[in-house]
Amino acid sequence: MGKSMYNFGNQNKENARQQKQMDKASKRLMAKQNKANIKSDTPNEDSNIAEPSRLEDIVKGTA
């Protein structure tokens, strides 16, 4: 007897389902890493330029 056609396409469907789960997991991981990177980044350059003058005022005692 030959193979039955009952399971035809089920393996492809299962592989597609697993691939979709892996894609979702990788997207979640990337979003989590991006969120952590945003929190750990330094402030923008404009605020870094303004800081040294403020620091000088504090050192001189004029602040």
N, C-alpha and C. Protein backbone atom coordinates (compact mmCIF):
# COMPACT_ATOMS: atom_id res chain seq x y z
N MET A 1 0.83 -1.18 0.00
CA MET A 1 0.00 0.00 0.00
C MET A 1 0.88 1.25 0.00
N GLY A 2 0.39 2.30 -0.58
CA GLY A 2 1.10 3.57 -0.62
C GLY A 2 0.73 4.46 0.55
N LYS A 3 1.34 5.60 0.61
CA LYS A 3 1.03 6.55 1.68
C LYS A 3 -0.36 7.14 1.45
N SER A 4 -1.03 7.38 2.56
CA SER A 4 -2.33 8.02 2.42
C SER A 4 -2.12 9.51 2.19
N MET A 5 -3.05 10.15 1.54
CA MET A 5 -2.98 11.57 1.25
C MET A 5 -3.59 12.40 2.38
N TYR A 6 -3.95 11.72 3.48
CA TYR A 6 -4.61 12.40 4.58
C TYR A 6 -3.72 13.47 5.20
N ASN A 7 -2.45 13.21 5.35
CA ASN A 7 -1.55 14.15 6.00
C ASN A 7 -0.87 15.10 5.02
N PHE A 8 -1.33 15.14 3.81
CA PHE A 8 -0.69 15.97 2.80
C PHE A 8 -0.75 17.43 3.21
N GLY A 9 0.41 18.07 3.30
CA GLY A 9 0.46 19.48 3.64
C GLY A 9 0.58 19.78 5.12
N ASN A 10 0.36 18.80 5.97
CA ASN A 10 0.42 19.06 7.40
C ASN A 10 1.85 19.40 7.85
N GLN A 11 2.83 18.73 7.26
CA GLN A 11 4.21 19.01 7.63
C GLN A 11 4.60 20.44 7.24
N ASN A 12 4.17 20.87 6.07
CA ASN A 12 4.45 22.24 5.64
C ASN A 12 3.78 23.25 6.56
N LYS A 13 2.56 22.94 6.95
CA LYS A 13 1.81 23.83 7.84
C LYS A 13 2.51 23.92 9.21
N GLU A 14 2.97 22.79 9.71
CA GLU A 14 3.66 22.77 11.00
C GLU A 14 4.98 23.54 10.93
N ASN A 15 5.72 23.36 9.84
CA ASN A 15 6.97 24.09 9.66
C ASN A 15 6.73 25.59 9.60
N ALA A 16 5.68 26.00 8.92
CA ALA A 16 5.33 27.42 8.82
C ALA A 16 4.96 27.97 10.19
N ARG A 17 4.24 27.20 10.97
CA ARG A 17 3.84 27.61 12.32
C ARG A 17 5.08 27.80 13.21
N GLN A 18 6.00 26.85 13.14
CA GLN A 18 7.21 26.95 13.95
C GLN A 18 8.06 28.15 13.52
N GLN A 19 8.15 28.39 12.22
CA GLN A 19 8.92 29.53 11.72
C GLN A 19 8.31 30.84 12.21
N LYS A 20 7.00 30.91 12.19
CA LYS A 20 6.31 32.11 12.65
C LYS A 20 6.58 32.35 14.13
N GLN A 21 6.59 31.28 14.93
CA GLN A 21 6.88 31.43 16.35
C GLN A 21 8.31 31.92 16.57
N MET A 22 9.25 31.40 15.80
CA MET A 22 10.65 31.82 15.93
C MET A 22 10.80 33.28 15.52
N ASP A 23 10.10 33.71 14.47
CA ASP A 23 10.16 35.10 14.03
C ASP A 23 9.61 36.03 15.11
N LYS A 24 8.50 35.64 15.73
CA LYS A 24 7.92 36.45 16.78
C LYS A 24 8.86 36.56 17.98
N ALA A 25 9.50 35.45 18.33
CA ALA A 25 10.43 35.45 19.45
C ALA A 25 11.62 36.36 19.17
N SER A 26 12.12 36.32 17.95
CA SER A 26 13.27 37.16 17.62
C SER A 26 12.87 38.64 17.61
N LYS A 27 11.66 38.95 17.16
CA LYS A 27 11.19 40.34 17.18
C LYS A 27 11.06 40.83 18.61
N ARG A 28 10.53 39.98 19.51
CA ARG A 28 10.41 40.36 20.91
C ARG A 28 11.78 40.63 21.52
N LEU A 29 12.74 39.78 21.21
CA LEU A 29 14.09 39.95 21.74
C LEU A 29 14.72 41.24 21.22
N MET A 30 14.54 41.53 19.94
CA MET A 30 15.10 42.76 19.36
C MET A 30 14.47 43.98 20.02
N ALA A 31 13.16 43.96 20.24
CA ALA A 31 12.47 45.08 20.87
C ALA A 31 12.97 45.27 22.30
N LYS A 32 13.19 44.18 23.00
CA LYS A 32 13.69 44.25 24.37
C LYS A 32 15.09 44.85 24.40
N GLN A 33 15.94 44.44 23.47
CA GLN A 33 17.30 44.97 23.41
C GLN A 33 17.29 46.45 23.04
N ASN A 34 16.44 46.84 22.09
CA ASN A 34 16.34 48.25 21.69
C ASN A 34 15.88 49.10 22.86
N LYS A 35 14.94 48.60 23.62
CA LYS A 35 14.43 49.32 24.78
C LYS A 35 15.54 49.51 25.81
N ALA A 36 16.34 48.48 26.03
CA ALA A 36 17.45 48.57 26.97
C ALA A 36 18.50 49.55 26.46
N ASN A 37 18.75 49.57 25.17
CA ASN A 37 19.74 50.48 24.59
C ASN A 37 19.28 51.93 24.72
N ILE A 38 18.00 52.18 24.55
CA ILE A 38 17.47 53.54 24.65
C ILE A 38 17.64 54.05 26.08
N LYS A 39 17.39 53.19 27.07
CA LYS A 39 17.51 53.61 28.45
C LYS A 39 18.96 53.87 28.84
N SER A 40 19.90 53.14 28.25
CA SER A 40 21.30 53.27 28.65
C SER A 40 22.06 54.31 27.84
N ASP A 41 21.45 54.86 26.79
CA ASP A 41 22.13 55.87 25.98
C ASP A 41 22.36 57.15 26.79
N THR A 42 23.39 57.89 26.39
CA THR A 42 23.67 59.17 27.03
C THR A 42 22.74 60.22 26.44
N PRO A 43 22.58 61.34 27.13
CA PRO A 43 21.74 62.42 26.59
C PRO A 43 22.32 62.95 25.29
N ASN A 44 21.52 63.70 24.58
CA ASN A 44 21.97 64.21 23.27
C ASN A 44 23.12 65.19 23.43
N GLU A 45 23.77 65.52 22.33
CA GLU A 45 24.99 66.34 22.34
C GLU A 45 24.73 67.75 22.87
N ASP A 46 23.58 68.31 22.62
CA ASP A 46 23.29 69.68 23.04
C ASP A 46 23.39 69.82 24.56
N SER A 47 22.88 68.86 25.29
CA SER A 47 22.96 68.94 26.74
C SER A 47 24.38 68.72 27.22
N ASN A 48 25.18 67.95 26.50
CA ASN A 48 26.58 67.76 26.87
C ASN A 48 27.38 69.04 26.69
N ILE A 49 27.02 69.85 25.72
CA ILE A 49 27.71 71.12 25.49
C ILE A 49 27.40 72.09 26.62
N ALA A 50 26.19 72.08 27.11
CA ALA A 50 25.79 73.01 28.16
C ALA A 50 26.35 72.61 29.52
N GLU A 51 26.63 71.38 29.76
CA GLU A 51 27.09 70.90 31.05
C GLU A 51 28.42 71.48 31.51
N PRO A 52 29.47 71.57 30.68
CA PRO A 52 30.75 72.07 31.19
C PRO A 52 30.66 73.46 31.81
N SER A 53 29.88 74.37 31.26
CA SER A 53 29.77 75.71 31.83
C SER A 53 29.10 75.62 33.21
N ARG A 54 28.13 74.78 33.35
CA ARG A 54 27.46 74.59 34.63
C ARG A 54 28.45 74.03 35.64
N LEU A 55 29.28 73.09 35.22
CA LEU A 55 30.27 72.50 36.08
C LEU A 55 31.27 73.55 36.56
N GLU A 56 31.67 74.46 35.67
CA GLU A 56 32.60 75.52 36.05
C GLU A 56 31.98 76.43 37.10
N ASP A 57 30.68 76.74 36.98
CA ASP A 57 30.01 77.57 37.96
C ASP A 57 29.99 76.89 39.33
N ILE A 58 29.78 75.61 39.33
CA ILE A 58 29.73 74.87 40.60
C ILE A 58 31.10 74.88 41.25
N VAL A 59 32.15 74.67 40.43
CA VAL A 59 33.51 74.66 40.97
C VAL A 59 33.87 76.03 41.54
N LYS A 60 33.48 77.10 40.87
CA LYS A 60 33.80 78.46 41.32
C LYS A 60 32.94 78.86 42.52
N GLY A 61 31.85 78.19 42.73
CA GLY A 61 30.97 78.51 43.85
C GLY A 61 29.98 79.59 43.51
N THR A 62 29.74 79.88 42.23
CA THR A 62 28.80 80.93 41.85
C THR A 62 27.42 80.38 41.57
N ALA A 63 27.26 79.11 41.62
CA ALA A 63 25.95 78.52 41.28
C ALA A 63 25.04 78.53 42.46
